[in-house]
Amino acid sequence: MKKILSLILMSVLIFSCSNQQQSRAIVKSDDELTLNVQKLLKVYVENNFSLWEELLSDDCEVLFNNIPLDKKSVIAGISQDHTLFKSIEVTDDYAHTNYFNNGQIWTNHWFTLAFEGNFTGEKTSARAHTDLKWENGKVVRFQVYYDPTFQVKEATAMAEMSE
């Protein structure tokens, strides 16, 4: 019985080790895709969205905190930040791209944005994370995660001032 259990355990270990091969990736932080993702953040701060138009595929699937959007909506939304805030600054910017052995390519990006509101005058910051899936040099899936409470507050203040 011990031999049978040992044989089963050995088989499970060998099988599980062979499946590890599927999740291997080469990770780069100085490649063109990683640098392009960091440029997207830089031009966002500069209120220039031409690179966004260029790099996001026309049918890019966007998930903002798991809420589905399209390319046009996300660009319109992030450009509105320049109406809501008088200053936008970036710190703690880090990104890398994973080149998986199954052919998928994903860039992960972490950063902190600091804002000063045009309508409340409040200063705030938000830590954010994005994941971008690439196909043929274009972003086909863009996932964004952060707490937008400060934007909602600023948009509410803007709406109240225009009443």
C-alpha atoms as a PDB file:
ATOM      1  CA  MET A   1       0.000   0.000   0.000  1.00  0.00           C
ATOM      2  CA  LYS A   2       2.862   2.386   0.832  1.00  0.00           C
ATOM      3  CA  LYS A   3       4.364   1.723  -2.603  1.00  0.00           C
ATOM      4  CA  ILE A   4       1.058   2.566  -4.302  1.00  0.00           C
ATOM      5  CA  LEU A   5       0.700   5.821  -2.333  1.00  0.00           C
ATOM      6  CA  SER A   6       4.318   6.725  -3.042  1.00  0.00           C
ATOM      7  CA  LEU A   7       3.773   6.008  -6.744  1.00  0.00           C
ATOM      8  CA  ILE A   8       0.603   8.164  -6.817  1.00  0.00           C
ATOM      9  CA  LEU A   9       2.363  11.005  -4.969  1.00  0.00           C
ATOM     10  CA  MET A  10       5.335  10.829  -7.344  1.00  0.00           C
ATOM     11  CA  SER A  11       2.986  10.866 -10.363  1.00  0.00           C
ATOM     12  CA  VAL A  12       1.138  13.923  -9.028  1.00  0.00           C
ATOM     13  CA  LEU A  13       4.405  15.780  -8.429  1.00  0.00           C
ATOM     14  CA  ILE A  14       5.732  14.978 -11.896  1.00  0.00           C
ATOM     15  CA  PHE A  15       2.440  15.970 -13.524  1.00  0.00           C
ATOM     16  CA  SER A  16       2.211  19.259 -11.607  1.00  0.00           C
ATOM     17  CA  CYS A  17       5.827  20.123 -12.455  1.00  0.00           C
ATOM     18  CA  SER A  18       5.203  19.504 -16.149  1.00  0.00           C
ATOM     19  CA  ASN A  19       2.256  21.934 -16.087  1.00  0.00           C
ATOM     20  CA  GLN A  20       4.479  24.716 -14.710  1.00  0.00           C
ATOM     21  CA  GLN A  21       5.940  25.128 -18.203  1.00  0.00           C
ATOM     22  CA  GLN A  22       2.726  26.840 -19.387  1.00  0.00           C
ATOM     23  CA  SER A  23       3.125  29.905 -17.194  1.00  0.00           C
ATOM     24  CA  ARG A  24       6.689  30.922 -18.000  1.00  0.00           C
ATOM     25  CA  ALA A  25       7.481  34.386 -19.263  1.00  0.00           C
ATOM     26  CA  ILE A  26      10.356  36.677 -20.084  1.00  0.00           C
ATOM     27  CA  VAL A  27       9.960  39.956 -18.203  1.00  0.00           C
ATOM     28  CA  LYS A  28      11.439  43.176 -19.600  1.00  0.00           C
ATOM     29  CA  SER A  29      11.349  46.703 -18.236  1.00  0.00           C
ATOM     30  CA  ASP A  30      13.282  48.544 -20.953  1.00  0.00           C
ATOM     31  CA  ASP A  31      11.596  47.250 -24.096  1.00  0.00           C
ATOM     32  CA  GLU A  32       9.534  49.303 -26.544  1.00  0.00           C
ATOM     33  CA  LEU A  33       6.133  48.199 -25.205  1.00  0.00           C
ATOM     34  CA  THR A  34       6.999  49.050 -21.596  1.00  0.00           C
ATOM     35  CA  LEU A  35       8.399  52.421 -22.626  1.00  0.00           C
ATOM     36  CA  ASN A  36       5.263  53.128 -24.700  1.00  0.00           C
ATOM     37  CA  VAL A  37       3.042  52.430 -21.692  1.00  0.00           C
ATOM     38  CA  GLN A  38       5.064  54.871 -19.615  1.00  0.00           C
ATOM     39  CA  LYS A  39       4.789  57.404 -22.468  1.00  0.00           C
ATOM     40  CA  LEU A  40       0.977  56.991 -22.353  1.00  0.00           C
ATOM     41  CA  LEU A  41       1.057  58.220 -18.764  1.00  0.00           C
ATOM     42  CA  LYS A  42       3.432  61.084 -19.630  1.00  0.00           C
ATOM     43  CA  VAL A  43       1.267  62.368 -22.498  1.00  0.00           C
ATOM     44  CA  TYR A  44      -1.870  61.977 -20.332  1.00  0.00           C
ATOM     45  CA  VAL A  45      -0.293  64.456 -17.890  1.00  0.00           C
ATOM     46  CA  GLU A  46       0.523  66.741 -20.850  1.00  0.00           C
ATOM     47  CA  ASN A  47      -3.134  66.542 -22.061  1.00  0.00           C
ATOM     48  CA  ASN A  48      -2.107  64.989 -25.376  1.00  0.00           C
ATOM     49  CA  PHE A  49      -4.023  61.878 -26.426  1.00  0.00           C
ATOM     50  CA  SER A  50      -2.657  61.236 -29.928  1.00  0.00           C
ATOM     51  CA  LEU A  51      -0.472  58.353 -28.667  1.00  0.00           C
ATOM     52  CA  TRP A  52      -3.545  56.879 -26.962  1.00  0.00           C
ATOM     53  CA  GLU A  53      -5.399  57.018 -30.286  1.00  0.00           C
ATOM     54  CA  GLU A  54      -2.434  55.358 -31.995  1.00  0.00           C
ATOM     55  CA  LEU A  55      -1.662  52.551 -29.525  1.00  0.00           C
ATOM     56  CA  LEU A  56      -5.151  51.451 -28.420  1.00  0.00           C
ATOM     57  CA  SER A  57      -6.811  49.282 -31.040  1.00  0.00           C
ATOM     58  CA  ASP A  58     -10.137  50.612 -32.318  1.00  0.00           C
ATOM     59  CA  ASP A  59     -11.964  47.700 -30.669  1.00  0.00           C
ATOM     60  CA  CYS A  60      -9.850  47.777 -27.491  1.00  0.00           C
ATOM     61  CA  GLU A  61     -11.683  46.223 -24.553  1.00  0.00           C
ATOM     62  CA  VAL A  62     -11.338  48.586 -21.600  1.00  0.00           C
ATOM     63  CA  LEU A  63     -12.177  47.616 -18.033  1.00  0.00           C
ATOM     64  CA  PHE A  64     -12.157  50.472 -15.537  1.00  0.00           C
ATOM     65  CA  ASN A  65     -12.420  48.819 -12.102  1.00  0.00           C
ATOM     66  CA  ASN A  66     -14.140  45.970 -14.004  1.00  0.00           C
ATOM     67  CA  ILE A  67     -16.666  48.324 -15.659  1.00  0.00           C
ATOM     68  CA  PRO A  68     -16.541  47.825 -19.450  1.00  0.00           C
ATOM     69  CA  LEU A  69     -15.838  50.882 -21.597  1.00  0.00           C
ATOM     70  CA  ASP A  70     -14.673  51.468 -25.148  1.00  0.00           C
ATOM     71  CA  LYS A  71     -11.624  53.337 -26.432  1.00  0.00           C
ATOM     72  CA  LYS A  72     -13.521  56.549 -27.187  1.00  0.00           C
ATOM     73  CA  SER A  73     -15.123  56.674 -23.716  1.00  0.00           C
ATOM     74  CA  VAL A  74     -11.887  56.081 -21.838  1.00  0.00           C
ATOM     75  CA  ILE A  75     -10.019  58.790 -23.763  1.00  0.00           C
ATOM     76  CA  ALA A  76     -12.892  61.240 -23.201  1.00  0.00           C
ATOM     77  CA  GLY A  77     -12.965  60.343 -19.506  1.00  0.00           C
ATOM     78  CA  ILE A  78      -9.263  60.769 -18.848  1.00  0.00           C
ATOM     79  CA  SER A  79      -9.088  63.982 -20.857  1.00  0.00           C
ATOM     80  CA  GLN A  80     -11.781  65.424 -18.561  1.00  0.00           C
ATOM     81  CA  ASP A  81      -9.239  65.244 -15.724  1.00  0.00           C
ATOM     82  CA  HIS A  82      -7.682  68.380 -17.207  1.00  0.00           C
ATOM     83  CA  THR A  83     -10.967  70.232 -16.661  1.00  0.00           C
ATOM     84  CA  LEU A  84     -11.338  68.937 -13.114  1.00  0.00           C
ATOM     85  CA  PHE A  85      -7.745  69.423 -11.958  1.00  0.00           C
ATOM     86  CA  LYS A  86      -5.298  72.307 -12.274  1.00  0.00           C
ATOM     87  CA  SER A  87      -2.279  70.055 -11.817  1.00  0.00           C
ATOM     88  CA  ILE A  88      -1.553  66.377 -12.364  1.00  0.00           C
ATOM     89  CA  GLU A  89       1.776  64.843 -11.351  1.00  0.00           C
ATOM     90  CA  VAL A  90       3.188  61.315 -11.526  1.00  0.00           C
ATOM     91  CA  THR A  91       5.437  59.580  -8.986  1.00  0.00           C
ATOM     92  CA  ASP A  92       6.434  55.979  -8.241  1.00  0.00           C
ATOM     93  CA  ASP A  93       6.194  55.021 -11.922  1.00  0.00           C
ATOM     94  CA  TYR A  94       7.161  51.397 -12.616  1.00  0.00           C
ATOM     95  CA  ALA A  95       6.259  49.101 -15.518  1.00  0.00           C
ATOM     96  CA  HIS A  96       7.359  45.830 -17.059  1.00  0.00           C
ATOM     97  CA  THR A  97       6.181  43.658 -19.922  1.00  0.00           C
ATOM     98  CA  ASN A  98       5.643  39.903 -19.695  1.00  0.00           C
ATOM     99  CA  TYR A  99       6.322  37.903 -22.862  1.00  0.00           C
ATOM    100  CA  PHE A 100       4.601  34.587 -22.120  1.00  0.00           C
ATOM    101  CA  ASN A 101       5.597  31.360 -23.835  1.00  0.00           C
ATOM    102  CA  ASN A 102       1.987  30.937 -25.061  1.00  0.00           C
ATOM    103  CA  GLY A 103       2.393  34.091 -27.198  1.00  0.00           C
ATOM    104  CA  GLN A 104       0.480  36.504 -24.961  1.00  0.00           C
ATOM    105  CA  ILE A 105       2.113  39.824 -24.134  1.00  0.00           C
ATOM    106  CA  TRP A 106       0.991  41.882 -21.128  1.00  0.00           C
ATOM    107  CA  THR A 107       2.414  45.083 -19.656  1.00  0.00           C
ATOM    108  CA  ASN A 108       1.832  45.783 -15.954  1.00  0.00           C
ATOM    109  CA  HIS A 109       2.120  49.388 -14.767  1.00  0.00           C
ATOM    110  CA  TRP A 110       2.016  50.874 -11.257  1.00  0.00           C
ATOM    111  CA  PHE A 111       2.120  54.583 -10.434  1.00  0.00           C
ATOM    112  CA  THR A 112       0.824  57.324  -8.169  1.00  0.00           C
ATOM    113  CA  LEU A 113      -0.992  60.380  -9.492  1.00  0.00           C
ATOM    114  CA  ALA A 114      -1.265  63.601  -7.488  1.00  0.00           C
ATOM    115  CA  PHE A 115      -4.008  66.120  -8.272  1.00  0.00           C
ATOM    116  CA  GLU A 116      -5.087  69.592  -7.227  1.00  0.00           C
ATOM    117  CA  GLY A 117      -8.768  70.267  -7.809  1.00  0.00           C
ATOM    118  CA  ASN A 118      -9.965  73.215  -9.860  1.00  0.00           C
ATOM    119  CA  PHE A 119     -13.285  73.358  -7.982  1.00  0.00           C
ATOM    120  CA  THR A 120     -12.532  72.141  -4.453  1.00  0.00           C
ATOM    121  CA  GLY A 121      -8.913  73.308  -4.301  1.00  0.00           C
ATOM    122  CA  GLU A 122      -8.110  70.039  -2.542  1.00  0.00           C
ATOM    123  CA  LYS A 123      -4.895  68.130  -3.122  1.00  0.00           C
ATOM    124  CA  THR A 124      -5.109  64.355  -3.324  1.00  0.00           C
ATOM    125  CA  SER A 125      -3.239  61.377  -4.687  1.00  0.00           C
ATOM    126  CA  ALA A 126      -4.235  57.979  -5.994  1.00  0.00           C
ATOM    127  CA  ARG A 127      -2.211  54.818  -6.459  1.00  0.00           C
ATOM    128  CA  ALA A 128      -3.135  53.083  -9.715  1.00  0.00           C
ATOM    129  CA  HIS A 129      -2.404  49.887 -11.574  1.00  0.00           C
ATOM    130  CA  THR A 130      -2.976  49.094 -15.240  1.00  0.00           C
ATOM    131  CA  ASP A 131      -2.629  45.914 -17.283  1.00  0.00           C
ATOM    132  CA  LEU A 132      -2.375  46.133 -21.059  1.00  0.00           C
ATOM    133  CA  LYS A 133      -2.614  43.167 -23.415  1.00  0.00           C
ATOM    134  CA  TRP A 134      -0.796  43.593 -26.727  1.00  0.00           C
ATOM    135  CA  GLU A 135      -1.466  42.049 -30.134  1.00  0.00           C
ATOM    136  CA  ASN A 136       0.370  43.139 -33.282  1.00  0.00           C
ATOM    137  CA  GLY A 137       1.749  46.253 -31.572  1.00  0.00           C
ATOM    138  CA  LYS A 138      -1.672  47.485 -30.385  1.00  0.00           C
ATOM    139  CA  VAL A 139      -3.351  47.391 -26.988  1.00  0.00           C
ATOM    140  CA  VAL A 140      -6.382  45.111 -27.301  1.00  0.00           C
ATOM    141  CA  ARG A 141      -7.292  45.009 -23.600  1.00  0.00           C
ATOM    142  CA  PHE A 142      -6.711  47.836 -21.118  1.00  0.00           C
ATOM    143  CA  GLN A 143      -7.513  47.205 -17.456  1.00  0.00           C
ATOM    144  CA  VAL A 144      -7.374  50.101 -14.976  1.00  0.00           C
ATOM    145  CA  TYR A 145      -7.632  49.830 -11.193  1.00  0.00           C
ATOM    146  CA  TYR A 146      -7.810  52.720  -8.690  1.00  0.00           C
ATOM    147  CA  ASP A 147     -10.256  54.497  -6.396  1.00  0.00           C
ATOM    148  CA  PRO A 148     -11.983  57.310  -8.368  1.00  0.00           C
ATOM    149  CA  THR A 149     -13.643  58.912  -5.308  1.00  0.00           C
ATOM    150  CA  PHE A 150     -11.578  62.090  -5.674  1.00  0.00           C
ATOM    151  CA  GLN A 151     -12.707  62.504  -9.314  1.00  0.00           C
ATOM    152  CA  VAL A 152     -16.356  62.040  -8.397  1.00  0.00           C
ATOM    153  CA  LYS A 153     -15.975  64.644  -5.629  1.00  0.00           C
ATOM    154  CA  GLU A 154     -14.349  67.129  -7.998  1.00  0.00           C
ATOM    155  CA  ALA A 155     -16.961  66.528 -10.733  1.00  0.00           C
ATOM    156  CA  THR A 156     -19.723  67.060  -8.157  1.00  0.00           C
ATOM    157  CA  ALA A 157     -18.148  70.355  -7.074  1.00  0.00           C
ATOM    158  CA  MET A 158     -17.920  71.434 -10.733  1.00  0.00           C
ATOM    159  CA  ALA A 159     -21.599  70.611 -11.300  1.00  0.00           C
ATOM    160  CA  GLU A 160     -22.675  72.484  -8.168  1.00  0.00           C
ATOM    161  CA  MET A 161     -20.759  75.603  -9.235  1.00  0.00           C
ATOM    162  CA  SER A 162     -22.446  75.654 -12.629  1.00  0.00           C
ATOM    163  CA  GLU A 163     -25.977  75.509 -11.195  1.00  0.00           C
END
